[in-house]
Amino acid sequence: MCYVYDFSLNDLLAPKVKRTVTILSGIMNYLHFRKQRLDMTMGHQERFVNTLSPTAQLPLGHIIPYCSVTTETHYPL
């Protein structure tokens, strides 16, 4: 893991080799992590949409057959 807590303008104006390698390694690790998570998230999203597609075509009455309107009963305090 690359932890760079004190990144400053001096790192850009007067770079040191070891520190620059550490910073670039951290950036590359983050980009790899981001790509991995995006691929996994897109896979979950596609499966979710494919699962919902047949259900979305049904009328609402078939999904919730026993839903009815009820009236509220008011009780004295």
PDB file of N, CA and C in Angstrom:
ATOM      1  N   MET A   1       0.834  -1.174   0.000  1.00  0.00           N
ATOM      2  CA  MET A   1       0.000   0.000   0.000  1.00  0.00           C
ATOM      3  C   MET A   1       0.879   1.238   0.000  1.00  0.00           C
ATOM      4  N   CYS A   2       0.429   2.217  -0.722  1.00  0.00           N
ATOM      5  CA  CYS A   2       1.161   3.479  -0.796  1.00  0.00           C
ATOM      6  C   CYS A   2       0.346   4.555  -0.105  1.00  0.00           C
ATOM      7  N   TYR A   3       0.866   5.071   0.961  1.00  0.00           N
ATOM      8  CA  TYR A   3       0.190   6.140   1.681  1.00  0.00           C
ATOM      9  C   TYR A   3       1.032   7.399   1.556  1.00  0.00           C
ATOM     10  N   VAL A   4       0.472   8.420   0.941  1.00  0.00           N
ATOM     11  CA  VAL A   4       1.154   9.700   0.808  1.00  0.00           C
ATOM     12  C   VAL A   4       0.227  10.733   1.431  1.00  0.00           C
ATOM     13  N   TYR A   5       0.486  11.069   2.690  1.00  0.00           N
ATOM     14  CA  TYR A   5      -0.381  11.993   3.405  1.00  0.00           C
ATOM     15  C   TYR A   5       0.066  13.444   3.253  1.00  0.00           C
ATOM     16  N   ASP A   6       1.313  13.655   2.887  1.00  0.00           N
ATOM     17  CA  ASP A   6       1.841  15.013   2.858  1.00  0.00           C
ATOM     18  C   ASP A   6       2.235  15.451   1.447  1.00  0.00           C
ATOM     19  N   PHE A   7       1.394  15.144   0.466  1.00  0.00           N
ATOM     20  CA  PHE A   7       1.654  15.566  -0.910  1.00  0.00           C
ATOM     21  C   PHE A   7       1.592  17.083  -0.969  1.00  0.00           C
ATOM     22  N   SER A   8       2.599  17.700  -1.631  1.00  0.00           N
ATOM     23  CA  SER A   8       2.643  19.159  -1.684  1.00  0.00           C
ATOM     24  C   SER A   8       3.130  19.626  -3.049  1.00  0.00           C
ATOM     25  N   LEU A   9       3.139  20.925  -3.220  1.00  0.00           N
ATOM     26  CA  LEU A   9       3.599  21.521  -4.471  1.00  0.00           C
ATOM     27  C   LEU A   9       5.075  21.211  -4.709  1.00  0.00           C
ATOM     28  N   ASN A  10       5.827  21.036  -3.658  1.00  0.00           N
ATOM     29  CA  ASN A  10       7.247  20.703  -3.770  1.00  0.00           C
ATOM     30  C   ASN A  10       7.456  19.362  -4.480  1.00  0.00           C
ATOM     31  N   ASP A  11       6.493  18.449  -4.360  1.00  0.00           N
ATOM     32  CA  ASP A  11       6.593  17.164  -5.053  1.00  0.00           C
ATOM     33  C   ASP A  11       6.521  17.345  -6.568  1.00  0.00           C
ATOM     34  N   LEU A  12       5.882  18.402  -7.014  1.00  0.00           N
ATOM     35  CA  LEU A  12       5.801  18.681  -8.450  1.00  0.00           C
ATOM     36  C   LEU A  12       6.957  19.549  -8.933  1.00  0.00           C
ATOM     37  N   LEU A  13       7.387  20.504  -8.111  1.00  0.00           N
ATOM     38  CA  LEU A  13       8.434  21.436  -8.525  1.00  0.00           C
ATOM     39  C   LEU A  13       9.838  20.849  -8.397  1.00  0.00           C
ATOM     40  N   ALA A  14      10.086  20.082  -7.363  1.00  0.00           N
ATOM     41  CA  ALA A  14      11.402  19.477  -7.146  1.00  0.00           C
ATOM     42  C   ALA A  14      11.212  18.006  -6.775  1.00  0.00           C
ATOM     43  N   PRO A  15      10.848  17.176  -7.742  1.00  0.00           N
ATOM     44  CA  PRO A  15      10.533  15.778  -7.425  1.00  0.00           C
ATOM     45  C   PRO A  15      11.776  14.960  -7.061  1.00  0.00           C
ATOM     46  N   LYS A  16      11.599  14.077  -6.116  1.00  0.00           N
ATOM     47  CA  LYS A  16      12.625  13.101  -5.742  1.00  0.00           C
ATOM     48  C   LYS A  16      12.213  11.764  -6.358  1.00  0.00           C
ATOM     49  N   VAL A  17      13.181  10.980  -6.791  1.00  0.00           N
ATOM     50  CA  VAL A  17      12.899   9.749  -7.531  1.00  0.00           C
ATOM     51  C   VAL A  17      12.061   8.769  -6.704  1.00  0.00           C
ATOM     52  N   LYS A  18      12.496   8.471  -5.494  1.00  0.00           N
ATOM     53  CA  LYS A  18      11.801   7.479  -4.679  1.00  0.00           C
ATOM     54  C   LYS A  18      10.376   7.928  -4.347  1.00  0.00           C
ATOM     55  N   ARG A  19      10.234   9.199  -4.012  1.00  0.00           N
ATOM     56  CA  ARG A  19       8.907   9.722  -3.669  1.00  0.00           C
ATOM     57  C   ARG A  19       7.994   9.738  -4.893  1.00  0.00           C
ATOM     58  N   THR A  20       8.518  10.089  -6.057  1.00  0.00           N
ATOM     59  CA  THR A  20       7.723  10.101  -7.286  1.00  0.00           C
ATOM     60  C   THR A  20       7.246   8.693  -7.626  1.00  0.00           C
ATOM     61  N   VAL A  21       8.118   7.706  -7.469  1.00  0.00           N
ATOM     62  CA  VAL A  21       7.737   6.319  -7.726  1.00  0.00           C
ATOM     63  C   VAL A  21       6.634   5.892  -6.758  1.00  0.00           C
ATOM     64  N   THR A  22       6.733   6.285  -5.507  1.00  0.00           N
ATOM     65  CA  THR A  22       5.712   5.949  -4.513  1.00  0.00           C
ATOM     66  C   THR A  22       4.372   6.576  -4.877  1.00  0.00           C
ATOM     67  N   ILE A  23       4.378   7.837  -5.273  1.00  0.00           N
ATOM     68  CA  ILE A  23       3.142   8.537  -5.636  1.00  0.00           C
ATOM     69  C   ILE A  23       2.521   7.915  -6.880  1.00  0.00           C
ATOM     70  N   LEU A  24       3.331   7.649  -7.898  1.00  0.00           N
ATOM     71  CA  LEU A  24       2.805   7.040  -9.125  1.00  0.00           C
ATOM     72  C   LEU A  24       2.294   5.625  -8.865  1.00  0.00           C
ATOM     73  N   SER A  25       2.955   4.901  -7.983  1.00  0.00           N
ATOM     74  CA  SER A  25       2.488   3.564  -7.624  1.00  0.00           C
ATOM     75  C   SER A  25       1.122   3.632  -6.947  1.00  0.00           C
ATOM     76  N   GLY A  26       0.940   4.607  -6.082  1.00  0.00           N
ATOM     77  CA  GLY A  26      -0.352   4.790  -5.428  1.00  0.00           C
ATOM     78  C   GLY A  26      -1.449   5.129  -6.419  1.00  0.00           C
ATOM     79  N   ILE A  27      -1.152   5.966  -7.399  1.00  0.00           N
ATOM     80  CA  ILE A  27      -2.130   6.321  -8.432  1.00  0.00           C
ATOM     81  C   ILE A  27      -2.491   5.098  -9.261  1.00  0.00           C
ATOM     82  N   MET A  28      -1.491   4.310  -9.633  1.00  0.00           N
ATOM     83  CA  MET A  28      -1.754   3.104 -10.421  1.00  0.00           C
ATOM     84  C   MET A  28      -2.574   2.089  -9.622  1.00  0.00           C
ATOM     85  N   ASN A  29      -2.279   1.939  -8.338  1.00  0.00           N
ATOM     86  CA  ASN A  29      -3.060   1.035  -7.488  1.00  0.00           C
ATOM     87  C   ASN A  29      -4.510   1.475  -7.420  1.00  0.00           C
ATOM     88  N   TYR A  30      -4.739   2.780  -7.283  1.00  0.00           N
ATOM     89  CA  TYR A  30      -6.107   3.288  -7.222  1.00  0.00           C
ATOM     90  C   TYR A  30      -6.842   3.032  -8.534  1.00  0.00           C
ATOM     91  N   LEU A  31      -6.190   3.280  -9.665  1.00  0.00           N
ATOM     92  CA  LEU A  31      -6.837   3.064 -10.962  1.00  0.00           C
ATOM     93  C   LEU A  31      -7.170   1.587 -11.178  1.00  0.00           C
ATOM     94  N   HIS A  32      -6.286   0.704 -10.756  1.00  0.00           N
ATOM     95  CA  HIS A  32      -6.554  -0.736 -10.858  1.00  0.00           C
ATOM     96  C   HIS A  32      -7.745  -1.120  -9.978  1.00  0.00           C
ATOM     97  N   PHE A  33      -7.769  -0.623  -8.743  1.00  0.00           N
ATOM     98  CA  PHE A  33      -8.868  -0.890  -7.817  1.00  0.00           C
ATOM     99  C   PHE A  33     -10.185  -0.373  -8.388  1.00  0.00           C
ATOM    100  N   ARG A  34     -10.170   0.838  -8.951  1.00  0.00           N
ATOM    101  CA  ARG A  34     -11.381   1.441  -9.506  1.00  0.00           C
ATOM    102  C   ARG A  34     -11.923   0.617 -10.666  1.00  0.00           C
ATOM    103  N   LYS A  35     -11.047   0.177 -11.565  1.00  0.00           N
ATOM    104  CA  LYS A  35     -11.482  -0.629 -12.705  1.00  0.00           C
ATOM    105  C   LYS A  35     -12.079  -1.950 -12.234  1.00  0.00           C
ATOM    106  N   GLN A  36     -11.444  -2.567 -11.262  1.00  0.00           N
ATOM    107  CA  GLN A  36     -11.938  -3.839 -10.726  1.00  0.00           C
ATOM    108  C   GLN A  36     -13.330  -3.663 -10.121  1.00  0.00           C
ATOM    109  N   ARG A  37     -13.529  -2.619  -9.347  1.00  0.00           N
ATOM    110  CA  ARG A  37     -14.832  -2.376  -8.716  1.00  0.00           C
ATOM    111  C   ARG A  37     -15.896  -2.001  -9.743  1.00  0.00           C
ATOM    112  N   LEU A  38     -15.529  -1.219 -10.762  1.00  0.00           N
ATOM    113  CA  LEU A  38     -16.497  -0.859 -11.801  1.00  0.00           C
ATOM    114  C   LEU A  38     -16.951  -2.090 -12.573  1.00  0.00           C
ATOM    115  N   ASP A  39     -16.020  -2.986 -12.900  1.00  0.00           N
ATOM    116  CA  ASP A  39     -16.388  -4.213 -13.609  1.00  0.00           C
ATOM    117  C   ASP A  39     -17.347  -5.053 -12.773  1.00  0.00           C
ATOM    118  N   MET A  40     -17.056  -5.172 -11.485  1.00  0.00           N
ATOM    119  CA  MET A  40     -17.908  -5.953 -10.605  1.00  0.00           C
ATOM    120  C   MET A  40     -19.289  -5.301 -10.471  1.00  0.00           C
ATOM    121  N   THR A  41     -19.330  -3.987 -10.324  1.00  0.00           N
ATOM    122  CA  THR A  41     -20.598  -3.270 -10.182  1.00  0.00           C
ATOM    123  C   THR A  41     -21.434  -3.372 -11.445  1.00  0.00           C
ATOM    124  N   MET A  42     -20.806  -3.260 -12.603  1.00  0.00           N
ATOM    125  CA  MET A  42     -21.547  -3.363 -13.865  1.00  0.00           C
ATOM    126  C   MET A  42     -22.138  -4.760 -14.028  1.00  0.00           C
ATOM    127  N   GLY A  43     -21.422  -5.786 -13.611  1.00  0.00           N
ATOM    128  CA  GLY A  43     -21.944  -7.149 -13.665  1.00  0.00           C
ATOM    129  C   GLY A  43     -23.172  -7.314 -12.783  1.00  0.00           C
ATOM    130  N   HIS A  44     -23.111  -6.762 -11.563  1.00  0.00           N
ATOM    131  CA  HIS A  44     -24.265  -6.820 -10.665  1.00  0.00           C
ATOM    132  C   HIS A  44     -25.445  -6.051 -11.250  1.00  0.00           C
ATOM    133  N   GLN A  45     -25.167  -4.898 -11.832  1.00  0.00           N
ATOM    134  CA  GLN A  45     -26.237  -4.076 -12.396  1.00  0.00           C
ATOM    135  C   GLN A  45     -26.912  -4.788 -13.570  1.00  0.00           C
ATOM    136  N   GLU A  46     -26.139  -5.427 -14.436  1.00  0.00           N
ATOM    137  CA  GLU A  46     -26.716  -6.151 -15.572  1.00  0.00           C
ATOM    138  C   GLU A  46     -27.586  -7.312 -15.094  1.00  0.00           C
ATOM    139  N   ARG A  47     -27.119  -8.061 -14.094  1.00  0.00           N
ATOM    140  CA  ARG A  47     -27.926  -9.162 -13.564  1.00  0.00           C
ATOM    141  C   ARG A  47     -29.205  -8.645 -12.915  1.00  0.00           C
ATOM    142  N   PHE A  48     -29.125  -7.519 -12.238  1.00  0.00           N
ATOM    143  CA  PHE A  48     -30.299  -6.927 -11.605  1.00  0.00           C
ATOM    144  C   PHE A  48     -31.331  -6.511 -12.653  1.00  0.00           C
ATOM    145  N   VAL A  49     -30.892  -5.857 -13.717  1.00  0.00           N
ATOM    146  CA  VAL A  49     -31.809  -5.423 -14.775  1.00  0.00           C
ATOM    147  C   VAL A  49     -32.416  -6.633 -15.469  1.00  0.00           C
ATOM    148  N   ASN A  50     -31.630  -7.656 -15.734  1.00  0.00           N
ATOM    149  CA  ASN A  50     -32.151  -8.862 -16.385  1.00  0.00           C
ATOM    150  C   ASN A  50     -33.154  -9.589 -15.496  1.00  0.00           C
ATOM    151  N   THR A  51     -32.963  -9.536 -14.194  1.00  0.00           N
ATOM    152  CA  THR A  51     -33.899 -10.168 -13.272  1.00  0.00           C
ATOM    153  C   THR A  51     -35.219  -9.408 -13.231  1.00  0.00           C
ATOM    154  N   LEU A  52     -35.166  -8.086 -13.309  1.00  0.00           N
ATOM    155  CA  LEU A  52     -36.374  -7.276 -13.231  1.00  0.00           C
ATOM    156  C   LEU A  52     -37.154  -7.216 -14.537  1.00  0.00           C
ATOM    157  N   SER A  53     -36.530  -7.473 -15.659  1.00  0.00           N
ATOM    158  CA  SER A  53     -37.200  -7.321 -16.951  1.00  0.00           C
ATOM    159  C   SER A  53     -38.491  -8.121 -17.059  1.00  0.00           C
ATOM    160  N   PRO A  54     -38.540  -9.416 -16.748  1.00  0.00           N
ATOM    161  CA  PRO A  54     -39.818 -10.134 -16.853  1.00  0.00           C
ATOM    162  C   PRO A  54     -40.863  -9.618 -15.862  1.00  0.00           C
ATOM    163  N   THR A  55     -40.444  -9.220 -14.683  1.00  0.00           N
ATOM    164  CA  THR A  55     -41.373  -8.729 -13.677  1.00  0.00           C
ATOM    165  C   THR A  55     -41.961  -7.380 -14.070  1.00  0.00           C
ATOM    166  N   ALA A  56     -41.186  -6.540 -14.721  1.00  0.00           N
ATOM    167  CA  ALA A  56     -41.646  -5.202 -15.081  1.00  0.00           C
ATOM    168  C   ALA A  56     -42.745  -5.244 -16.135  1.00  0.00           C
ATOM    169  N   GLN A  57     -42.870  -6.327 -16.877  1.00  0.00           N
ATOM    170  CA  GLN A  57     -43.872  -6.418 -17.929  1.00  0.00           C
ATOM    171  C   GLN A  57     -45.234  -6.848 -17.396  1.00  0.00           C
ATOM    172  N   LEU A  58     -45.312  -7.330 -16.157  1.00  0.00           N
ATOM    173  CA  LEU A  58     -46.581  -7.767 -15.582  1.00  0.00           C
ATOM    174  C   LEU A  58     -47.393  -6.561 -15.112  1.00  0.00           C
ATOM    175  N   PRO A  59     -48.725  -6.647 -15.218  1.00  0.00           N
ATOM    176  CA  PRO A  59     -49.551  -5.582 -14.643  1.00  0.00           C
ATOM    177  C   PRO A  59     -49.418  -5.582 -13.123  1.00  0.00           C
ATOM    178  N   LEU A  60     -49.674  -4.455 -12.510  1.00  0.00           N
ATOM    179  CA  LEU A  60     -49.483  -4.311 -11.070  1.00  0.00           C
ATOM    180  C   LEU A  60     -50.388  -5.243 -10.272  1.00  0.00           C
ATOM    181  N   GLY A  61     -51.581  -5.549 -10.772  1.00  0.00           N
ATOM    182  CA  GLY A  61     -52.505  -6.430 -10.065  1.00  0.00           C
ATOM    183  C   GLY A  61     -51.968  -7.831  -9.890  1.00  0.00           C
ATOM    184  N   HIS A  62     -51.125  -8.289 -10.798  1.00  0.00           N
ATOM    185  CA  HIS A  62     -50.543  -9.626 -10.677  1.00  0.00           C
ATOM    186  C   HIS A  62     -49.414  -9.661  -9.653  1.00  0.00           C
ATOM    187  N   ILE A  63     -48.777  -8.536  -9.438  1.00  0.00           N
ATOM    188  CA  ILE A  63     -47.670  -8.495  -8.484  1.00  0.00           C
ATOM    189  C   ILE A  63     -48.211  -8.413  -7.055  1.00  0.00           C
ATOM    190  N   ILE A  64     -49.242  -7.595  -6.843  1.00  0.00           N
ATOM    191  CA  ILE A  64     -49.822  -7.415  -5.515  1.00  0.00           C
ATOM    192  C   ILE A  64     -51.311  -7.755  -5.598  1.00  0.00           C
ATOM    193  N   PRO A  65     -51.688  -9.033  -5.577  1.00  0.00           N
ATOM    194  CA  PRO A  65     -53.086  -9.397  -5.800  1.00  0.00           C
ATOM    195  C   PRO A  65     -54.008  -9.077  -4.631  1.00  0.00           C
ATOM    196  N   TYR A  66     -53.501  -9.014  -3.412  1.00  0.00           N
ATOM    197  CA  TYR A  66     -54.373  -8.858  -2.254  1.00  0.00           C
ATOM    198  C   TYR A  66     -54.322  -7.461  -1.653  1.00  0.00           C
ATOM    199  N   CYS A  67     -53.900  -6.493  -2.406  1.00  0.00           N
ATOM    200  CA  CYS A  67     -53.815  -5.129  -1.911  1.00  0.00           C
ATOM    201  C   CYS A  67     -55.194  -4.477  -2.017  1.00  0.00           C
ATOM    202  N   SER A  68     -55.667  -3.898  -0.945  1.00  0.00           N
ATOM    203  CA  SER A  68     -56.957  -3.209  -0.986  1.00  0.00           C
ATOM    204  C   SER A  68     -56.861  -1.926  -0.169  1.00  0.00           C
ATOM    205  N   VAL A  69     -57.775  -1.024  -0.438  1.00  0.00           N
ATOM    206  CA  VAL A  69     -57.790   0.249   0.263  1.00  0.00           C
ATOM    207  C   VAL A  69     -58.527   0.056   1.584  1.00  0.00           C
ATOM    208  N   THR A  70     -57.940   0.529   2.655  1.00  0.00           N
ATOM    209  CA  THR A  70     -58.577   0.430   3.964  1.00  0.00           C
ATOM    210  C   THR A  70     -58.818   1.825   4.505  1.00  0.00           C
ATOM    211  N   THR A  71     -59.782   1.957   5.370  1.00  0.00           N
ATOM    212  CA  THR A  71     -60.054   3.246   5.999  1.00  0.00           C
ATOM    213  C   THR A  71     -59.442   3.249   7.387  1.00  0.00           C
ATOM    214  N   GLU A  72     -59.041   4.421   7.807  1.00  0.00           N
ATOM    215  CA  GLU A  72     -58.441   4.548   9.129  1.00  0.00           C
ATOM    216  C   GLU A  72     -59.527   4.564  10.188  1.00  0.00           C
ATOM    217  N   THR A  73     -59.252   3.965  11.295  1.00  0.00           N
ATOM    218  CA  THR A  73     -60.156   3.999  12.435  1.00  0.00           C
ATOM    219  C   THR A  73     -59.587   4.978  13.441  1.00  0.00           C
ATOM    220  N   HIS A  74     -60.392   5.955  13.823  1.00  0.00           N
ATOM    221  CA  HIS A  74     -59.925   6.957  14.780  1.00  0.00           C
ATOM    222  C   HIS A  74     -60.401   6.576  16.169  1.00  0.00           C
ATOM    223  N   TYR A  75     -59.474   6.518  17.079  1.00  0.00           N
ATOM    224  CA  TYR A  75     -59.785   6.187  18.458  1.00  0.00           C
ATOM    225  C   TYR A  75     -59.677   7.451  19.303  1.00  0.00           C
ATOM    226  N   PRO A  76     -60.581   7.652  20.237  1.00  0.00           N
ATOM    227  CA  PRO A  76     -60.482   8.835  21.107  1.00  0.00           C
ATOM    228  C   PRO A  76     -59.261   8.725  22.020  1.00  0.00           C
ATOM    229  N   LEU A  77     -58.700   9.865  22.339  1.00  0.00           N
ATOM    230  CA  LEU A  77     -57.512   9.890  23.207  1.00  0.00           C
ATOM    231  C   LEU A  77     -57.838   9.762  24.644  1.00  0.00           C
TER     232      LEU A  77
END
